[in-house]
Amino acid sequence: MDKSRVSKTCILGDRSTSDVIVHLRNRDSRLEWFYCHSSVLSEKSKFFAAYIVLDSWDSVRTALGVLRAAISLQCDEIIQSCIQYLEAIPWEDKEEEEILNAVSKLGPIAMPILARIQPVDLNATKNVLLSAIRFATSSTESHPPFSDDLKISAQGASRVHVSGR
């Protein structure tokens, strides 16, 4: 599509062709209405580009539909916006499987959602804790900002039994 042609047909204030109304307060706190075009706002402003995309989704189902289309069309920015939206909103258990199917092959970009869905690996958590305790108890020197208090706490914690599933 020829963007110069679109810009010529999009006139600020033209109610017949506008698809967005921007409300601004003037100095007297009165609302001013501007009839605008989402294509122009999105092209000229990062704020409106993000706002218009995020505001267009009203449910998990809508966001998943947009995400699937964005994946098919390889639209990285829209994929990222979908991931951020899905990460931020609550979803039902029945929607979780659909979300997992949609994002499972996206790689690192989907980590925020995958971390929310997949359970924490208790063995990995236990290993990190045990490594920290071993480091603190085996150290012969003081390591700022770690003090002797850390070593004493770690020695006390080493007597506590940590079990995994």
Protein backbone atom coordinates (compact mmCIF):
# COMPACT_ATOMS: atom_id res chain seq x y z
CA MET A 1 0.00 0.00 0.00
CA ASP A 2 1.29 3.47 -0.87
CA LYS A 3 1.77 5.31 2.45
CA SER A 4 1.87 8.74 0.80
CA ARG A 5 -1.56 8.09 -0.66
CA VAL A 6 -2.90 6.98 2.73
CA SER A 7 -1.53 10.13 4.38
CA LYS A 8 -3.22 12.37 1.79
CA THR A 9 -6.61 10.78 2.43
CA CYS A 10 -6.24 10.92 6.23
CA ILE A 11 -7.13 14.38 7.48
CA LEU A 12 -7.09 15.26 11.18
CA GLY A 13 -10.65 15.91 12.29
CA ASP A 14 -12.30 14.08 9.40
CA ARG A 15 -15.09 12.14 11.12
CA SER A 16 -15.97 10.21 7.99
CA THR A 17 -12.59 8.46 7.70
CA SER A 18 -11.22 8.52 11.27
CA ASP A 19 -11.21 5.35 13.35
CA VAL A 20 -9.84 6.73 16.64
CA ILE A 21 -10.94 9.61 18.84
CA VAL A 22 -8.20 11.11 21.02
CA HIS A 23 -9.44 12.97 24.10
CA LEU A 24 -7.16 15.63 25.58
CA ARG A 25 -7.81 18.10 28.39
CA ASN A 26 -7.06 21.73 27.70
CA ARG A 27 -5.79 24.24 30.27
CA ASP A 28 -9.36 24.86 31.44
CA SER A 29 -9.80 21.11 32.05
CA ARG A 30 -12.30 20.83 29.20
CA LEU A 31 -12.09 17.80 26.96
CA GLU A 32 -10.99 18.39 23.39
CA TRP A 33 -11.79 15.64 20.89
CA PHE A 34 -9.58 14.91 17.91
CA TYR A 35 -10.80 12.58 15.20
CA CYS A 36 -7.69 10.70 14.06
CA HIS A 37 -6.52 7.67 12.10
CA SER A 38 -4.89 4.75 13.89
CA SER A 39 -2.57 4.10 10.95
CA VAL A 40 -1.15 7.64 11.13
CA LEU A 41 -0.91 7.65 14.95
CA SER A 42 0.85 4.26 14.94
CA GLU A 43 3.27 5.29 12.21
CA LYS A 44 4.20 8.62 13.80
CA SER A 45 4.20 7.74 17.52
CA LYS A 46 5.69 4.80 19.42
CA PHE A 47 3.30 5.57 22.30
CA PHE A 48 0.20 5.32 20.13
CA ALA A 49 1.60 2.32 18.24
CA ALA A 50 1.94 0.37 21.49
CA TYR A 51 -1.30 1.70 22.97
CA ILE A 52 -3.42 0.97 19.92
CA VAL A 53 -2.08 -2.59 19.64
CA LEU A 54 -2.49 -3.37 23.36
CA ASP A 55 -5.90 -1.72 23.57
CA SER A 56 -7.21 -3.78 20.67
CA TRP A 57 -7.04 -7.02 22.64
CA ASP A 58 -9.87 -7.65 25.04
CA SER A 59 -9.26 -11.28 25.94
CA VAL A 60 -6.79 -14.13 26.01
CA ARG A 61 -8.52 -15.65 22.98
CA THR A 62 -8.07 -12.46 20.94
CA ALA A 63 -4.41 -12.13 21.96
CA LEU A 64 -3.78 -15.78 21.05
CA GLY A 65 -5.33 -15.25 17.64
CA VAL A 66 -3.14 -12.21 17.04
CA LEU A 67 -0.09 -14.13 18.33
CA ARG A 68 -0.69 -17.06 15.98
CA ALA A 69 -1.07 -14.70 13.03
CA ALA A 70 2.06 -12.75 14.04
CA ILE A 71 4.05 -15.99 14.31
CA SER A 72 2.88 -17.07 10.84
CA LEU A 73 3.77 -13.68 9.38
CA GLN A 74 7.02 -13.41 11.40
CA CYS A 75 6.08 -10.04 12.94
CA ASP A 76 8.52 -9.89 15.85
CA GLU A 77 7.21 -6.66 17.41
CA ILE A 78 3.64 -7.92 17.49
CA ILE A 79 4.80 -11.27 18.89
CA GLN A 80 6.62 -9.40 21.67
CA SER A 81 3.52 -7.30 22.40
CA CYS A 82 1.36 -10.43 22.58
CA ILE A 83 3.82 -12.08 24.96
CA GLN A 84 3.83 -9.01 27.21
CA TYR A 85 0.03 -8.85 27.18
CA LEU A 86 -0.41 -12.56 27.93
CA GLU A 87 2.18 -12.40 30.69
CA ALA A 88 0.37 -9.50 32.38
CA ILE A 89 -3.22 -10.73 32.38
CA PRO A 90 -4.87 -13.57 34.29
CA TRP A 91 -6.03 -16.61 32.39
CA GLU A 92 -8.06 -19.71 33.11
CA ASP A 93 -6.65 -23.22 33.39
CA LYS A 94 -8.37 -24.25 30.14
CA GLU A 95 -6.62 -21.38 28.30
CA GLU A 96 -3.21 -22.37 29.67
CA GLU A 97 -2.83 -25.31 27.28
CA GLU A 98 -3.67 -23.10 24.27
CA ILE A 99 -1.12 -20.54 25.43
CA LEU A 100 1.52 -23.22 25.92
CA ASN A 101 0.88 -24.62 22.43
CA ALA A 102 1.14 -21.15 20.89
CA VAL A 103 4.40 -20.10 22.61
CA SER A 104 6.25 -23.40 23.05
CA LYS A 105 8.39 -23.03 19.92
CA LEU A 106 9.17 -19.31 20.24
CA GLY A 107 12.35 -19.82 22.26
CA PRO A 108 13.72 -17.26 24.74
CA ILE A 109 11.13 -14.61 23.86
CA ALA A 110 8.45 -16.81 25.47
CA MET A 111 10.35 -17.40 28.72
CA PRO A 112 8.19 -15.02 30.82
CA ILE A 113 5.07 -17.02 29.95
CA LEU A 114 6.76 -20.42 30.18
CA ALA A 115 8.13 -19.53 33.62
CA ARG A 116 4.60 -18.69 34.71
CA ILE A 117 3.19 -21.98 33.39
CA GLN A 118 5.90 -24.51 34.15
CA PRO A 119 6.60 -25.45 37.77
CA VAL A 120 9.85 -24.51 39.44
CA ASP A 121 12.47 -27.26 39.39
CA LEU A 122 12.91 -28.03 43.10
CA ASN A 123 16.17 -29.90 42.53
CA ALA A 124 17.72 -26.89 40.81
CA THR A 125 16.56 -24.62 43.64
CA LYS A 126 17.96 -27.04 46.23
CA ASN A 127 21.30 -27.23 44.39
CA VAL A 128 21.64 -23.44 44.33
CA LEU A 129 20.91 -23.26 48.06
CA LEU A 130 23.40 -26.03 48.86
CA SER A 131 26.09 -24.39 46.71
CA ALA A 132 25.58 -21.10 48.52
CA ILE A 133 25.82 -22.83 51.90
CA ARG A 134 28.99 -24.70 50.87
CA PHE A 135 30.58 -21.48 49.63
CA ALA A 136 29.73 -19.58 52.80
CA THR A 137 30.91 -22.33 55.16
CA SER A 138 34.11 -23.22 53.31
CA SER A 139 35.37 -19.69 52.85
CA THR A 140 38.32 -18.78 55.06
CA GLU A 141 38.20 -15.09 54.19
CA SER A 142 35.55 -12.45 54.65
CA HIS A 143 33.95 -11.48 51.32
CA PRO A 144 32.35 -8.04 51.47
CA PRO A 145 29.45 -7.39 51.40
CA PHE A 146 29.21 -10.86 52.98
CA SER A 147 30.25 -10.86 56.58
CA ASP A 148 30.87 -13.48 59.23
CA ASP A 149 27.13 -13.34 59.91
CA LEU A 150 26.55 -15.09 56.59
CA LYS A 151 28.95 -17.87 57.53
CA ILE A 152 27.28 -18.34 60.92
CA SER A 153 23.83 -18.40 59.28
CA ALA A 154 25.01 -20.88 56.67
CA GLN A 155 26.49 -23.16 59.33
CA GLY A 156 23.14 -23.12 61.12
CA ALA A 157 21.30 -23.78 57.87
CA SER A 158 23.57 -26.68 57.00
CA ARG A 159 22.08 -28.54 59.95
CA VAL A 160 18.62 -28.14 58.41
CA HIS A 161 17.67 -31.02 56.14
CA VAL A 162 16.60 -29.91 52.66
CA SER A 163 14.66 -32.56 50.80
CA GLY A 164 13.36 -32.69 47.27
CA ARG A 165 10.43 -34.59 45.89
